[in-house]
Amino acid sequence: AVECNLCPIEYKRASKSQEIDLPFDIGCGDDEICTALLSLSGRFYNT
């Protein structure tokens, strides 16, 4: 295995991932113009 000192995940075998669906209203108005304002942030420690 090759170690990468610049990689965001230090130990790939110890990493965890999860996929979830997040339903949201995309803000379509009567003029049929849709405007989405999406934001996501997260911090996971000791998981």
Protein backbone atom coordinates (compact mmCIF):
# COMPACT_ATOMS: atom_id res chain seq x y z
CA ALA A 1 0.00 0.00 0.00
CA VAL A 2 1.14 3.52 -0.80
CA GLU A 3 0.64 6.21 1.83
CA CYS A 4 -0.35 9.70 0.74
CA ASN A 5 0.61 12.56 3.05
CA LEU A 6 -1.65 15.01 1.17
CA CYS A 7 -4.77 12.81 0.99
CA PRO A 8 -7.88 13.92 2.94
CA ILE A 9 -8.42 10.38 4.28
CA GLU A 10 -5.36 9.23 6.17
CA TYR A 11 -6.21 5.54 6.38
CA LYS A 12 -8.60 4.49 3.62
CA ARG A 13 -9.36 1.12 5.22
CA ALA A 14 -10.51 2.89 8.39
CA SER A 15 -12.77 5.33 6.52
CA LYS A 16 -16.55 5.05 6.50
CA SER A 17 -18.99 6.37 3.95
CA GLN A 18 -22.74 6.62 3.82
CA GLU A 19 -25.14 7.60 1.07
CA ILE A 20 -28.48 9.17 1.97
CA ASP A 21 -31.28 10.82 0.00
CA LEU A 22 -32.12 14.40 0.96
CA PRO A 23 -35.44 15.53 -0.52
CA PHE A 24 -35.75 19.27 -1.03
CA ASP A 25 -38.04 21.84 -2.66
CA ILE A 26 -36.25 23.39 -5.62
CA GLY A 27 -38.33 26.58 -5.52
CA CYS A 28 -40.21 26.49 -8.85
CA GLY A 29 -42.50 29.48 -9.17
CA ASP A 30 -45.56 30.16 -11.31
CA ASP A 31 -43.22 31.36 -14.07
CA GLU A 32 -41.74 27.81 -14.26
CA ILE A 33 -38.30 29.17 -13.34
CA CYS A 34 -36.72 27.01 -10.67
CA THR A 35 -34.14 28.40 -8.28
CA ALA A 36 -32.38 26.12 -5.82
CA LEU A 37 -30.40 27.41 -2.87
CA LEU A 38 -28.61 24.43 -1.40
CA SER A 39 -26.15 24.35 1.45
CA LEU A 40 -24.52 21.47 3.27
CA SER A 41 -21.96 21.29 6.00
CA GLY A 42 -20.88 18.62 8.38
CA ARG A 43 -18.26 17.62 10.88
CA PHE A 44 -17.74 14.12 12.11
CA TYR A 45 -15.45 13.42 15.03
CA ASN A 46 -14.74 10.09 16.68
CA THR A 47 -17.17 8.18 14.48
